[in-house]
Amino acid sequence: MIAVTTMKCACESCTCQVSIADAIKENDKYYCSQACADGHVKGKGCGHQSCICG
């Protein structure tokens, strides 16, 4: 069995890979930042270099 340790952020427009151990978990989905987990309600991106989400 292979253990998954990283995955794409659950935010559709985000290009980040997130460590499951460090991710923000909301509704059984893993996000790279609170902005992504909140659905960018304030129009704020995740802030990670070269990512255009938000």
C-alpha atoms as a PDB file:
ATOM      1  CA  MET A   1       0.000   0.000   0.000  1.00  0.00           C
ATOM      2  CA  ILE A   2       1.250   3.503  -0.891  1.00  0.00           C
ATOM      3  CA  ALA A   3       0.590   6.329   1.540  1.00  0.00           C
ATOM      4  CA  VAL A   4      -0.342   9.672   0.026  1.00  0.00           C
ATOM      5  CA  THR A   5       1.497  12.535   1.741  1.00  0.00           C
ATOM      6  CA  THR A   6       0.880  15.428  -0.673  1.00  0.00           C
ATOM      7  CA  MET A   7      -1.944  16.394  -2.984  1.00  0.00           C
ATOM      8  CA  LYS A   8      -3.270  19.334  -4.992  1.00  0.00           C
ATOM      9  CA  CYS A   9      -5.047  21.966  -2.933  1.00  0.00           C
ATOM     10  CA  ALA A  10      -8.813  21.377  -3.094  1.00  0.00           C
ATOM     11  CA  CYS A  11      -9.366  24.937  -4.364  1.00  0.00           C
ATOM     12  CA  GLU A  12     -10.194  24.609  -8.078  1.00  0.00           C
ATOM     13  CA  SER A  13      -8.224  27.670  -9.204  1.00  0.00           C
ATOM     14  CA  CYS A  14      -5.199  26.950  -6.990  1.00  0.00           C
ATOM     15  CA  THR A  15      -2.106  25.276  -8.434  1.00  0.00           C
ATOM     16  CA  CYS A  16      -0.438  24.481  -5.084  1.00  0.00           C
ATOM     17  CA  GLN A  17       0.561  21.079  -3.810  1.00  0.00           C
ATOM     18  CA  VAL A  18      -0.117  20.691  -0.107  1.00  0.00           C
ATOM     19  CA  SER A  19       1.302  18.340   2.504  1.00  0.00           C
ATOM     20  CA  ILE A  20      -1.581  16.518   4.145  1.00  0.00           C
ATOM     21  CA  ALA A  21       0.151  16.901   7.502  1.00  0.00           C
ATOM     22  CA  ASP A  22       0.312  20.711   7.127  1.00  0.00           C
ATOM     23  CA  ALA A  23      -2.940  21.290   5.231  1.00  0.00           C
ATOM     24  CA  ILE A  24      -6.021  23.103   6.444  1.00  0.00           C
ATOM     25  CA  LYS A  25      -8.793  20.507   6.449  1.00  0.00           C
ATOM     26  CA  GLU A  26     -12.338  21.720   5.789  1.00  0.00           C
ATOM     27  CA  ASN A  27     -15.275  19.441   4.893  1.00  0.00           C
ATOM     28  CA  ASP A  28     -12.905  16.486   4.342  1.00  0.00           C
ATOM     29  CA  LYS A  29     -10.874  18.452   1.766  1.00  0.00           C
ATOM     30  CA  TYR A  30      -7.290  19.671   2.068  1.00  0.00           C
ATOM     31  CA  TYR A  31      -6.293  23.281   1.370  1.00  0.00           C
ATOM     32  CA  CYS A  32      -2.939  25.087   1.260  1.00  0.00           C
ATOM     33  CA  SER A  33      -4.213  28.218   2.993  1.00  0.00           C
ATOM     34  CA  GLN A  34      -7.125  29.603   4.952  1.00  0.00           C
ATOM     35  CA  ALA A  35      -8.019  31.838   1.975  1.00  0.00           C
ATOM     36  CA  CYS A  36      -8.535  28.749  -0.205  1.00  0.00           C
ATOM     37  CA  ALA A  37     -10.450  26.935   2.539  1.00  0.00           C
ATOM     38  CA  ASP A  38     -12.753  29.951   2.943  1.00  0.00           C
ATOM     39  CA  GLY A  39     -13.472  30.072  -0.802  1.00  0.00           C
ATOM     40  CA  HIS A  40     -11.642  33.399  -1.283  1.00  0.00           C
ATOM     41  CA  VAL A  41     -14.593  35.280   0.210  1.00  0.00           C
ATOM     42  CA  LYS A  42     -12.467  38.407   0.628  1.00  0.00           C
ATOM     43  CA  GLY A  43     -10.893  38.085  -2.819  1.00  0.00           C
ATOM     44  CA  LYS A  44      -7.555  37.188  -1.289  1.00  0.00           C
ATOM     45  CA  GLY A  45      -5.312  34.613  -2.983  1.00  0.00           C
ATOM     46  CA  CYS A  46      -3.316  31.987  -1.127  1.00  0.00           C
ATOM     47  CA  GLY A  47      -0.181  34.099  -1.365  1.00  0.00           C
ATOM     48  CA  HIS A  48       2.086  31.340  -2.631  1.00  0.00           C
ATOM     49  CA  GLN A  49       4.575  32.272  -5.329  1.00  0.00           C
ATOM     50  CA  SER A  50       3.354  31.775  -8.913  1.00  0.00           C
ATOM     51  CA  CYS A  51      -0.186  30.780  -7.864  1.00  0.00           C
ATOM     52  CA  ILE A  52      -3.043  32.814  -9.356  1.00  0.00           C
ATOM     53  CA  CYS A  53      -5.972  31.613  -7.246  1.00  0.00           C
ATOM     54  CA  GLY A  54      -8.358  34.001  -5.631  1.00  0.00           C
END
